[in-house]
């Protein structure tokens, strides 16, 4: 799945992403770890072309992340505006998501390389939330309650 690992140069990969953005209005970029496992995926182009924060979804399978982000981006293109704390259904998948604020958008490397610092919302699938919060955020908050 890694385009650069499959022989594309960084310039060819970037050109493909820019082409997708120009053609569709956004692109979905996946980030893998050194073993080829999906780390996170995010949109590129929503801020520039639709005045909307980029969307990032961590973990899980790339195919699920792609379909969820693509469905939400299509909703943005159609005029929908998502805000932190909002719940949304991701298109035909029927996956319920909660959108959370992203304080530091540094994982959106390609979006920032193209457009500079961009705002972002994290898309969290309802199935990974515990009592309405991401488990890693909940643990971090519990650590600070002392």
N, C-alpha and C. Protein backbone atom coordinates (compact mmCIF):
# COMPACT_ATOMS: atom_id res chain seq x y z
N UNK A 1 0.82 -1.20 0.00
CA UNK A 1 0.00 0.00 0.00
C UNK A 1 0.86 1.25 0.00
N UNK A 2 2.08 1.18 0.48
CA UNK A 2 2.95 2.35 0.53
C UNK A 2 3.43 2.69 -0.87
N UNK A 3 2.97 3.82 -1.39
CA UNK A 3 3.31 4.21 -2.77
C UNK A 3 4.81 4.39 -2.95
N UNK A 4 5.47 5.00 -1.97
CA UNK A 4 6.91 5.20 -2.08
C UNK A 4 7.63 3.85 -1.97
N UNK A 5 7.13 2.97 -1.08
CA UNK A 5 7.71 1.63 -0.95
C UNK A 5 7.53 0.84 -2.24
N UNK A 6 6.46 1.13 -2.97
CA UNK A 6 6.17 0.44 -4.22
C UNK A 6 6.89 1.06 -5.42
N UNK A 7 7.82 1.98 -5.16
CA UNK A 7 8.65 2.49 -6.24
C UNK A 7 8.40 3.92 -6.67
N UNK A 8 7.35 4.57 -6.19
CA UNK A 8 7.13 5.97 -6.55
C UNK A 8 8.12 6.84 -5.80
N UNK A 9 8.59 7.88 -6.47
CA UNK A 9 9.43 8.85 -5.78
C UNK A 9 8.54 9.75 -4.93
N UNK A 10 9.14 10.46 -4.00
CA UNK A 10 8.37 11.40 -3.17
C UNK A 10 7.68 12.44 -4.05
N UNK A 11 8.37 12.90 -5.10
CA UNK A 11 7.77 13.89 -6.01
C UNK A 11 6.58 13.30 -6.77
N UNK A 12 6.69 12.04 -7.20
CA UNK A 12 5.57 11.39 -7.90
C UNK A 12 4.38 11.21 -6.96
N UNK A 13 4.67 10.84 -5.72
CA UNK A 13 3.59 10.68 -4.74
C UNK A 13 2.89 12.01 -4.50
N UNK A 14 3.66 13.06 -4.27
CA UNK A 14 3.10 14.39 -4.04
C UNK A 14 2.28 14.84 -5.25
N UNK A 15 2.78 14.61 -6.46
CA UNK A 15 2.05 14.99 -7.67
C UNK A 15 0.71 14.25 -7.75
N UNK A 16 0.68 12.99 -7.36
CA UNK A 16 -0.56 12.22 -7.35
C UNK A 16 -1.56 12.76 -6.36
N UNK A 17 -1.09 13.16 -5.18
CA UNK A 17 -1.97 13.73 -4.17
C UNK A 17 -2.53 15.06 -4.66
N UNK A 18 -1.68 15.91 -5.21
CA UNK A 18 -2.13 17.21 -5.72
C UNK A 18 -3.13 17.01 -6.86
N UNK A 19 -2.90 16.01 -7.71
CA UNK A 19 -3.84 15.71 -8.79
C UNK A 19 -5.20 15.30 -8.22
N UNK A 20 -5.19 14.44 -7.19
CA UNK A 20 -6.46 14.04 -6.55
C UNK A 20 -7.18 15.26 -5.98
N UNK A 21 -6.44 16.13 -5.31
CA UNK A 21 -7.04 17.33 -4.73
C UNK A 21 -7.66 18.20 -5.82
N UNK A 22 -6.93 18.40 -6.91
CA UNK A 22 -7.45 19.23 -8.01
C UNK A 22 -8.67 18.60 -8.67
N UNK A 23 -8.67 17.28 -8.78
CA UNK A 23 -9.75 16.57 -9.46
C UNK A 23 -10.99 16.40 -8.58
N UNK A 24 -10.79 16.05 -7.31
CA UNK A 24 -11.89 15.70 -6.42
C UNK A 24 -12.21 16.79 -5.41
N UNK A 25 -11.18 17.53 -4.97
CA UNK A 25 -11.37 18.55 -3.94
C UNK A 25 -10.69 18.18 -2.64
N UNK A 26 -10.19 16.96 -2.55
CA UNK A 26 -9.43 16.50 -1.38
C UNK A 26 -8.75 15.19 -1.75
N UNK A 27 -7.83 14.77 -0.92
CA UNK A 27 -7.20 13.46 -1.03
C UNK A 27 -7.17 12.86 0.36
N UNK A 28 -7.10 11.54 0.45
CA UNK A 28 -6.91 10.85 1.71
C UNK A 28 -5.52 10.23 1.67
N UNK A 29 -4.70 10.57 2.66
CA UNK A 29 -3.32 10.09 2.74
C UNK A 29 -3.22 9.14 3.93
N UNK A 30 -2.60 7.99 3.71
CA UNK A 30 -2.39 7.02 4.79
C UNK A 30 -0.95 7.05 5.24
N UNK A 31 -0.75 6.84 6.53
CA UNK A 31 0.59 6.75 7.11
C UNK A 31 0.73 5.36 7.71
N UNK A 32 1.82 4.69 7.35
CA UNK A 32 2.09 3.35 7.87
C UNK A 32 3.33 3.37 8.73
N UNK A 33 3.44 2.38 9.62
CA UNK A 33 4.68 2.24 10.38
C UNK A 33 5.68 1.42 9.56
N UNK A 34 6.83 1.16 10.14
CA UNK A 34 7.89 0.46 9.41
C UNK A 34 7.52 -0.96 9.03
N UNK A 35 6.51 -1.53 9.66
CA UNK A 35 6.06 -2.89 9.33
C UNK A 35 4.87 -2.90 8.38
N UNK A 36 4.49 -1.71 7.88
CA UNK A 36 3.39 -1.62 6.93
C UNK A 36 2.01 -1.60 7.55
N UNK A 37 1.94 -1.38 8.86
CA UNK A 37 0.64 -1.30 9.53
C UNK A 37 0.12 0.13 9.49
N UNK A 38 -1.18 0.24 9.31
CA UNK A 38 -1.83 1.55 9.25
C UNK A 38 -1.71 2.26 10.60
N UNK A 39 -1.16 3.48 10.60
CA UNK A 39 -1.05 4.29 11.82
C UNK A 39 -2.21 5.28 11.87
N UNK A 40 -2.35 6.07 10.82
CA UNK A 40 -3.48 6.99 10.70
C UNK A 40 -3.62 7.42 9.25
N UNK A 41 -4.79 7.96 8.95
CA UNK A 41 -5.06 8.54 7.64
C UNK A 41 -5.65 9.92 7.86
N UNK A 42 -5.46 10.79 6.88
CA UNK A 42 -6.00 12.14 7.01
C UNK A 42 -6.30 12.72 5.64
N UNK A 43 -7.15 13.73 5.65
CA UNK A 43 -7.49 14.41 4.41
C UNK A 43 -6.47 15.52 4.14
N UNK A 44 -6.36 15.85 2.87
CA UNK A 44 -5.57 17.00 2.43
C UNK A 44 -6.42 17.74 1.41
N UNK A 45 -6.65 19.01 1.62
CA UNK A 45 -7.39 19.81 0.65
C UNK A 45 -8.68 20.41 1.18
N UNK A 46 -9.21 19.89 2.29
CA UNK A 46 -10.47 20.45 2.81
C UNK A 46 -10.31 21.89 3.25
N UNK A 47 -9.17 22.19 3.89
CA UNK A 47 -8.95 23.56 4.36
C UNK A 47 -8.85 24.51 3.18
N UNK A 48 -8.06 24.16 2.22
CA UNK A 48 -7.78 25.04 1.08
C UNK A 48 -8.99 25.21 0.17
N UNK A 49 -9.66 24.10 -0.16
CA UNK A 49 -10.73 24.15 -1.16
C UNK A 49 -12.13 24.28 -0.58
N UNK A 50 -12.29 23.99 0.71
CA UNK A 50 -13.64 24.01 1.28
C UNK A 50 -13.74 24.81 2.59
N UNK A 51 -12.64 25.44 3.00
CA UNK A 51 -12.66 26.24 4.22
C UNK A 51 -13.02 25.44 5.45
N UNK A 52 -12.62 24.19 5.51
CA UNK A 52 -12.99 23.28 6.59
C UNK A 52 -11.73 22.63 7.15
N UNK A 53 -11.68 22.39 8.46
CA UNK A 53 -10.50 21.68 9.01
C UNK A 53 -10.29 20.33 8.33
N UNK A 54 -9.04 19.92 8.23
CA UNK A 54 -8.72 18.59 7.74
C UNK A 54 -9.24 17.58 8.75
N UNK A 55 -9.41 16.33 8.33
CA UNK A 55 -9.91 15.27 9.19
C UNK A 55 -8.83 14.20 9.32
N UNK A 56 -8.64 13.66 10.52
CA UNK A 56 -7.65 12.61 10.76
C UNK A 56 -8.31 11.48 11.53
N UNK A 57 -8.01 10.25 11.14
CA UNK A 57 -8.55 9.08 11.80
C UNK A 57 -7.39 8.13 12.07
N UNK A 58 -7.17 7.79 13.32
CA UNK A 58 -6.05 6.94 13.69
C UNK A 58 -6.43 5.50 13.88
N UNK A 59 -5.45 4.62 13.64
CA UNK A 59 -5.59 3.20 13.90
C UNK A 59 -6.54 2.49 12.96
N UNK A 60 -6.86 1.27 13.31
CA UNK A 60 -7.77 0.46 12.51
C UNK A 60 -7.20 0.09 11.16
N UNK A 61 -8.07 -0.29 10.28
CA UNK A 61 -7.68 -0.69 8.93
C UNK A 61 -7.74 0.51 7.99
N UNK A 62 -6.82 0.55 7.03
CA UNK A 62 -6.79 1.65 6.08
C UNK A 62 -8.11 1.75 5.31
N UNK A 63 -8.66 0.62 4.87
CA UNK A 63 -9.88 0.67 4.07
C UNK A 63 -11.02 1.34 4.82
N UNK A 64 -11.17 1.02 6.10
CA UNK A 64 -12.21 1.65 6.90
C UNK A 64 -11.93 3.15 7.03
N UNK A 65 -10.69 3.49 7.36
CA UNK A 65 -10.33 4.91 7.50
C UNK A 65 -10.59 5.66 6.20
N UNK A 66 -10.19 5.07 5.07
CA UNK A 66 -10.40 5.73 3.78
C UNK A 66 -11.88 5.99 3.54
N UNK A 67 -12.73 4.97 3.72
CA UNK A 67 -14.16 5.14 3.44
C UNK A 67 -14.82 6.13 4.38
N UNK A 68 -14.44 6.10 5.65
CA UNK A 68 -15.02 7.05 6.60
C UNK A 68 -14.60 8.49 6.25
N UNK A 69 -13.29 8.70 6.04
CA UNK A 69 -12.81 10.05 5.71
C UNK A 69 -13.36 10.53 4.37
N UNK A 70 -13.43 9.64 3.39
CA UNK A 70 -13.96 10.01 2.08
C UNK A 70 -15.44 10.41 2.18
N UNK A 71 -16.22 9.67 2.95
CA UNK A 71 -17.65 10.00 3.12
C UNK A 71 -17.82 11.35 3.84
N UNK A 72 -17.03 11.57 4.88
CA UNK A 72 -17.13 12.85 5.59
C UNK A 72 -16.66 14.01 4.72
N UNK A 73 -15.59 13.80 3.94
CA UNK A 73 -15.09 14.84 3.04
C UNK A 73 -16.14 15.16 1.96
N UNK A 74 -16.82 14.15 1.46
CA UNK A 74 -17.88 14.38 0.46
C UNK A 74 -19.00 15.22 1.08
N UNK A 75 -19.31 14.97 2.35
CA UNK A 75 -20.32 15.77 3.04
C UNK A 75 -19.86 17.22 3.17
N UNK A 76 -18.58 17.42 3.45
CA UNK A 76 -18.02 18.78 3.52
C UNK A 76 -18.14 19.46 2.16
N UNK A 77 -17.79 18.74 1.11
CA UNK A 77 -17.89 19.30 -0.24
C UNK A 77 -19.33 19.70 -0.57
N UNK A 78 -20.28 18.95 -0.03
CA UNK A 78 -21.70 19.25 -0.26
C UNK A 78 -22.23 20.36 0.64
N UNK A 79 -21.36 20.89 1.53
CA UNK A 79 -21.77 22.02 2.35
C UNK A 79 -21.84 21.77 3.84
N UNK A 80 -21.67 20.54 4.27
CA UNK A 80 -21.71 20.22 5.71
C UNK A 80 -20.47 20.78 6.39
N UNK A 81 -20.63 21.28 7.59
CA UNK A 81 -19.51 21.79 8.39
C UNK A 81 -19.52 21.07 9.72
N UNK A 82 -18.45 20.37 10.02
CA UNK A 82 -18.33 19.62 11.27
C UNK A 82 -17.61 20.46 12.31
N UNK A 83 -18.00 20.26 13.57
CA UNK A 83 -17.37 20.96 14.69
C UNK A 83 -16.96 19.94 15.75
N UNK A 84 -15.97 20.30 16.54
CA UNK A 84 -15.53 19.44 17.64
C UNK A 84 -16.70 19.16 18.57
N UNK A 85 -16.82 17.92 18.98
CA UNK A 85 -17.89 17.50 19.86
C UNK A 85 -19.11 16.97 19.14
N UNK A 86 -19.16 17.17 17.84
CA UNK A 86 -20.30 16.74 17.04
C UNK A 86 -20.21 15.25 16.73
N UNK A 87 -21.37 14.63 16.62
CA UNK A 87 -21.46 13.23 16.20
C UNK A 87 -21.97 13.22 14.77
N UNK A 88 -21.40 12.33 13.95
CA UNK A 88 -21.80 12.25 12.55
C UNK A 88 -21.80 10.79 12.11
N UNK A 89 -22.61 10.49 11.12
CA UNK A 89 -22.59 9.16 10.51
C UNK A 89 -21.75 9.26 9.24
N UNK A 90 -20.92 8.27 9.03
CA UNK A 90 -20.01 8.28 7.88
C UNK A 90 -20.64 7.56 6.70
N UNK A 91 -21.53 8.24 6.01
CA UNK A 91 -22.09 7.77 4.76
C UNK A 91 -22.68 6.39 4.79
N UNK A 92 -22.47 5.66 3.72
CA UNK A 92 -23.10 4.35 3.55
C UNK A 92 -22.59 3.32 4.54
N UNK A 93 -21.47 3.60 5.19
CA UNK A 93 -20.94 2.66 6.17
C UNK A 93 -21.77 2.65 7.44
N UNK A 94 -22.49 3.75 7.68
CA UNK A 94 -23.30 3.84 8.87
C UNK A 94 -22.48 3.85 10.16
N UNK A 95 -21.19 4.14 10.05
CA UNK A 95 -20.33 4.19 11.23
C UNK A 95 -20.51 5.53 11.92
N UNK A 96 -20.90 5.48 13.17
CA UNK A 96 -21.05 6.72 13.93
C UNK A 96 -19.69 7.19 14.41
N UNK A 97 -19.43 8.48 14.23
CA UNK A 97 -18.15 9.07 14.58
C UNK A 97 -18.39 10.26 15.51
N UNK A 98 -17.41 10.52 16.32
CA UNK A 98 -17.39 11.74 17.12
C UNK A 98 -16.18 12.52 16.65
N UNK A 99 -16.35 13.83 16.45
CA UNK A 99 -15.25 14.67 16.02
C UNK A 99 -14.67 15.38 17.23
N UNK A 100 -13.36 15.27 17.38
CA UNK A 100 -12.66 15.83 18.53
C UNK A 100 -11.68 16.89 18.07
N UNK A 101 -11.39 17.86 18.90
CA UNK A 101 -10.42 18.90 18.50
C UNK A 101 -9.01 18.32 18.43
N UNK A 102 -8.22 18.85 17.52
CA UNK A 102 -6.81 18.49 17.40
C UNK A 102 -6.01 19.73 17.76
N UNK A 103 -5.31 19.66 18.87
CA UNK A 103 -4.53 20.82 19.33
C UNK A 103 -3.26 20.98 18.52
N UNK A 104 -2.64 19.87 18.15
CA UNK A 104 -1.37 19.92 17.43
C UNK A 104 -1.49 19.08 16.16
N UNK A 105 -1.62 19.72 15.00
CA UNK A 105 -1.84 18.99 13.76
C UNK A 105 -0.56 18.47 13.09
N UNK A 106 0.52 18.31 13.84
CA UNK A 106 1.79 17.89 13.23
C UNK A 106 1.72 16.54 12.52
N UNK A 107 0.83 15.59 12.89
CA UNK A 107 0.77 14.34 12.12
C UNK A 107 0.29 14.52 10.67
N UNK A 108 -0.29 15.66 10.35
CA UNK A 108 -0.77 15.90 8.99
C UNK A 108 0.37 16.48 8.15
N UNK A 109 1.43 15.72 8.04
CA UNK A 109 2.69 16.19 7.45
C UNK A 109 2.50 16.71 6.03
N UNK A 110 1.85 15.94 5.19
CA UNK A 110 1.71 16.35 3.79
C UNK A 110 0.80 17.57 3.64
N UNK A 111 -0.28 17.63 4.41
CA UNK A 111 -1.17 18.80 4.35
C UNK A 111 -0.40 20.05 4.72
N UNK A 112 0.44 19.95 5.75
CA UNK A 112 1.21 21.12 6.18
C UNK A 112 2.33 21.44 5.19
N UNK A 113 2.88 20.43 4.54
CA UNK A 113 3.92 20.68 3.54
C UNK A 113 3.34 21.46 2.35
N UNK A 114 2.09 21.16 2.01
CA UNK A 114 1.47 21.83 0.86
C UNK A 114 0.90 23.20 1.25
N UNK A 115 0.20 23.28 2.40
CA UNK A 115 -0.56 24.47 2.75
C UNK A 115 -0.05 25.24 3.97
N UNK A 116 0.94 24.72 4.66
CA UNK A 116 1.34 25.32 5.93
C UNK A 116 0.48 24.76 7.05
N UNK A 117 0.53 25.37 8.20
CA UNK A 117 -0.23 24.87 9.35
C UNK A 117 -1.72 24.87 9.02
N UNK A 118 -2.36 23.74 9.25
CA UNK A 118 -3.79 23.60 8.94
C UNK A 118 -4.55 23.17 10.19
N UNK A 119 -5.79 23.62 10.34
CA UNK A 119 -6.61 23.15 11.45
C UNK A 119 -7.08 21.73 11.16
N UNK A 120 -7.42 20.98 12.21
CA UNK A 120 -7.85 19.60 12.00
C UNK A 120 -8.84 19.17 13.08
N UNK A 121 -9.64 18.19 12.72
CA UNK A 121 -10.54 17.51 13.64
C UNK A 121 -10.21 16.03 13.59
N UNK A 122 -10.16 15.40 14.76
CA UNK A 122 -9.94 13.96 14.80
C UNK A 122 -11.29 13.26 14.70
N UNK A 123 -11.36 12.28 13.83
CA UNK A 123 -12.56 11.46 13.67
C UNK A 123 -12.34 10.20 14.50
N UNK A 124 -13.20 10.00 15.47
CA UNK A 124 -13.08 8.85 16.35
C UNK A 124 -14.32 7.99 16.18
N UNK A 125 -14.14 6.75 15.72
CA UNK A 125 -15.28 5.86 15.56
C UNK A 125 -15.89 5.56 16.91
N UNK A 126 -17.19 5.62 16.99
CA UNK A 126 -17.90 5.44 18.26
C UNK A 126 -17.50 4.12 18.92
N UNK A 127 -17.20 3.10 18.15
CA UNK A 127 -16.87 1.79 18.72
C UNK A 127 -15.57 1.80 19.53
N UNK A 128 -14.71 2.80 19.34
CA UNK A 128 -13.46 2.83 20.10
C UNK A 128 -13.53 3.80 21.28
N UNK A 129 -14.66 4.44 21.48
CA UNK A 129 -14.80 5.36 22.60
C UNK A 129 -15.23 4.61 23.85
N UNK A 130 -14.77 5.04 24.99
CA UNK A 130 -15.18 4.50 26.28
C UNK A 130 -15.78 5.66 27.06
N UNK A 131 -17.05 5.54 27.38
CA UNK A 131 -17.76 6.61 28.09
C UNK A 131 -17.59 7.95 27.38
N UNK A 132 -17.63 7.92 26.04
CA UNK A 132 -17.57 9.15 25.27
C UNK A 132 -16.19 9.74 25.07
N UNK A 133 -15.14 9.05 25.51
CA UNK A 133 -13.77 9.56 25.37
C UNK A 133 -12.88 8.48 24.77
N UNK A 134 -11.82 8.92 24.09
CA UNK A 134 -10.82 7.98 23.61
C UNK A 134 -10.10 7.40 24.82
N UNK A 135 -9.86 6.08 24.84
CA UNK A 135 -9.18 5.49 26.00
C UNK A 135 -7.82 6.11 26.31
N UNK A 136 -7.04 6.48 25.31
CA UNK A 136 -5.73 7.06 25.60
C UNK A 136 -5.86 8.44 26.23
N UNK A 137 -6.87 9.21 25.84
CA UNK A 137 -7.08 10.52 26.47
C UNK A 137 -7.61 10.35 27.89
N UNK A 138 -8.45 9.37 28.07
CA UNK A 138 -9.02 9.12 29.39
C UNK A 138 -7.90 8.72 30.36
N UNK A 139 -7.00 7.82 29.93
CA UNK A 139 -5.88 7.41 30.77
C UNK A 139 -4.99 8.59 31.11
N UNK A 140 -4.74 9.44 30.11
CA UNK A 140 -3.88 10.61 30.35
C UNK A 140 -4.54 11.56 31.34
N UNK A 141 -5.86 11.71 31.22
CA UNK A 141 -6.58 12.59 32.14
C UNK A 141 -6.55 11.99 33.55
N UNK A 142 -6.74 10.66 33.66
CA UNK A 142 -6.71 10.01 34.96
C UNK A 142 -5.35 10.20 35.63
N UNK A 143 -4.27 10.19 34.83
CA UNK A 143 -2.93 10.38 35.37
C UNK A 143 -2.75 11.76 35.97
N UNK A 144 -3.52 12.74 35.51
CA UNK A 144 -3.36 14.11 35.96
C UNK A 144 -4.35 14.52 37.05
N UNK A 145 -5.18 13.57 37.46
CA UNK A 145 -6.18 13.89 38.48
C UNK A 145 -5.65 13.81 39.89
N UNK A 146 -4.41 13.41 40.08
CA UNK A 146 -3.83 13.23 41.43
C UNK A 146 -3.81 14.51 42.21
